[in-house]
Amino acid sequence: MGFWDRVMGRLSVPGLLLLTAGVVLVLQAAKLCRLVLRDNGERVIPWVKVLGLVLAVLGSVILLDWIPGL
């Protein structure tokens, strides 16, 4: 078993997914809002960025094992 196998075995899949989803939401909020909401997309961009930030922080907390058992 190699080094990277041991590292990846210790990481939490839900934490990685939440962190990745949060980063994508923050970085691509404008494109996603324009694609999904068309005309009303500009008003929702800040809220989508806040949601992405919350998801990224939650994913980081899970990855750092501050919430045991996840």
Protein backbone atom coordinates (compact mmCIF):
# COMPACT_ATOMS: atom_id res chain seq x y z
CA MET A 1 0.00 0.00 0.00
CA GLY A 2 1.50 3.29 -1.11
CA PHE A 3 1.58 6.66 0.55
CA TRP A 4 -1.29 8.12 -1.49
CA ASP A 5 -3.47 5.08 -0.85
CA ARG A 6 -3.13 5.63 2.90
CA VAL A 7 -3.82 9.36 2.55
CA MET A 8 -6.91 8.86 0.41
CA GLY A 9 -8.14 6.13 2.77
CA ARG A 10 -8.21 8.59 5.65
CA LEU A 11 -10.13 11.32 3.80
CA SER A 12 -13.88 11.61 4.11
CA VAL A 13 -15.84 11.34 0.85
CA PRO A 14 -18.74 13.55 2.04
CA GLY A 15 -16.26 16.19 3.15
CA LEU A 16 -14.49 16.13 -0.22
CA LEU A 17 -17.78 16.36 -2.11
CA LEU A 18 -19.05 19.28 -0.03
CA LEU A 19 -15.74 21.11 -0.32
CA THR A 20 -15.64 20.61 -4.09
CA ALA A 21 -19.27 21.64 -4.56
CA GLY A 22 -18.74 24.76 -2.45
CA VAL A 23 -15.67 25.79 -4.42
CA VAL A 24 -17.48 25.30 -7.74
CA LEU A 25 -20.47 27.33 -6.52
CA VAL A 26 -18.28 30.21 -5.38
CA LEU A 27 -16.09 30.32 -8.47
CA GLN A 28 -18.81 29.73 -11.08
CA ALA A 29 -21.79 31.46 -9.41
CA ALA A 30 -22.35 33.99 -12.20
CA LYS A 31 -22.32 31.40 -14.98
CA LEU A 32 -24.55 28.98 -13.06
CA CYS A 33 -27.12 31.65 -12.16
CA ARG A 34 -27.30 32.96 -15.72
CA LEU A 35 -27.67 29.43 -17.05
CA VAL A 36 -30.38 28.33 -14.62
CA LEU A 37 -32.34 31.51 -13.92
CA ARG A 38 -31.84 33.53 -17.15
CA ASP A 39 -33.29 37.00 -16.35
CA ASN A 40 -33.28 36.87 -12.53
CA GLY A 41 -29.79 35.42 -12.30
CA GLU A 42 -28.03 38.65 -11.37
CA ARG A 43 -29.96 39.09 -8.12
CA VAL A 44 -29.17 35.61 -6.84
CA ILE A 45 -25.38 35.56 -7.43
CA PRO A 46 -24.39 36.82 -3.93
CA TRP A 47 -26.66 34.25 -2.26
CA VAL A 48 -25.21 31.43 -4.33
CA LYS A 49 -21.70 32.54 -3.33
CA VAL A 50 -22.69 32.54 0.34
CA LEU A 51 -24.18 29.06 -0.05
CA GLY A 52 -20.96 27.89 -1.70
CA LEU A 53 -18.91 29.35 1.15
CA VAL A 54 -21.07 27.57 3.73
CA LEU A 55 -20.72 24.27 1.86
CA ALA A 56 -16.95 24.68 1.56
CA VAL A 57 -16.59 25.44 5.28
CA LEU A 58 -18.79 22.48 6.21
CA GLY A 59 -16.74 20.21 3.94
CA SER A 60 -13.52 21.47 5.52
CA VAL A 61 -14.87 20.86 9.01
CA ILE A 62 -15.78 17.30 8.08
CA LEU A 63 -12.37 16.73 6.44
CA LEU A 64 -10.55 18.01 9.53
CA ASP A 65 -12.54 15.55 11.68
CA TRP A 66 -14.10 18.22 13.86
CA ILE A 67 -17.35 16.30 13.39
CA PRO A 68 -16.43 12.73 14.29
CA GLY A 69 -18.13 9.84 12.56
CA LEU A 70 -18.70 11.46 9.16
